[in-house]
Amino acid sequence: MSLPRIALARAAFAVTAALSVALLATTAQAQQLTKLRITNFTNIVVTPIFYGMEKGWYKEAGLDIEIVKVATGAASVSAVAANQADIGWAAATVPMFARSQGVPVKIFMIADQEGPPDHYGTHIDATAKSGINTFADVKGKTVMINAFGTAGELAIRERLMDAGISWDDVKKVVVPFPQMPAALETGNADVAVTIYPMQGAIMANKAIGAKLLGRGNIMASGKQVVPASIYFATDTWLAQNAKAAAAFGKVYARAQKEIDADPKLRLEWWMKLSGMPQPVAETIPPPWFQTPAIAKQSVQPIYDALLKTGMMTKSFNIDDVVATIQY
């Protein structure tokens, strides 16, 4: 074999060897990653998941994130309980309600909190044409919630109870969040129990002329900080994957911190995820949390409200629904 051919063969061998090493390294890395299937229905609150995925931070932490699309918090519980997802995202009320029904799930991390002065997950709006000015006026009217057994149901039921109105005294319709603004505008409902970004669209729509009746998943959040939305998993999964849960929380908090530090970046991501126009996005207060760690005393007011309203008819030890993870 001539020298040029020998050199060429050696070069080809070197390239092949390098590619093989790179392939083996990539395969090994993929094998080392822990897959986390996480439920989600598009909401700006969960921006840290998508931002962290784009930055590659979850993979750096040994996690391979897969988004399992669902329509409601109740669907998140169903997916986690059926092992179609590892981690569920929902309002804090949802896994607590599920736990009372015998579903073995625990809250292990806060996604955002609500409380004074202006951090609230749920908003209750009435149309101008409904003539509603207070919760006492809601009697006999049509109320939209996105699903039963959710934070939205608890939010309106507690306010109605406080006003002396029974849950049976109103007409209930289940409407997905994205369809609520249109339903209010067309007069198919008088009241919407909704979240951002739909809240921003409702308040900006002059044809609706919305009046804000109340905000917050529970009345107590007007005076104190409580979890708004959270992440949960089954007892079994958490017992076997505490390190993965902690790694997820650390990256999530890192992503949230970077997003909070750059309002322009936050706005860009909100518009990217929700499709809302900039003027609407600019009206939305940012989600927040002090720490991803959950404490049982923080969910106690939610537990109490669920029992008080009759939404939850079976009590349980609140320790059973909270998992302590070190972040």
Foldseek 3Di string as FASTA:
>chain_A
DDPVVVVVVVVVVVVVVVVVVVVVVVVVLVVQADEFEEEDDFDLLQLLVVLLVVVCLNSVLRYDYHYDYDQAQLVQLVCQLVVVGFKYKAFPQQVVLVVLVVRQKAFFWFSFKFAPDDAFFKWKKFFPVLVDDELLSQFAFEEEDQDARGLLVLASLQRNVVVVHHPVRHHYDHDGQVCVLVCLLVVVGGMYIHGPPSVLVNCPDVSRRMDTHDTHSYPCRHHDMAGTMTMMHGPVSCVVPLSSVQSVQVSSVVSVVVCVVDVVSSLVSNCVRPVDDSVSSVVDDHGDDPGTGDDLVRCVVVLVSCCVSVVRVGDDDSVSHYDGHDD
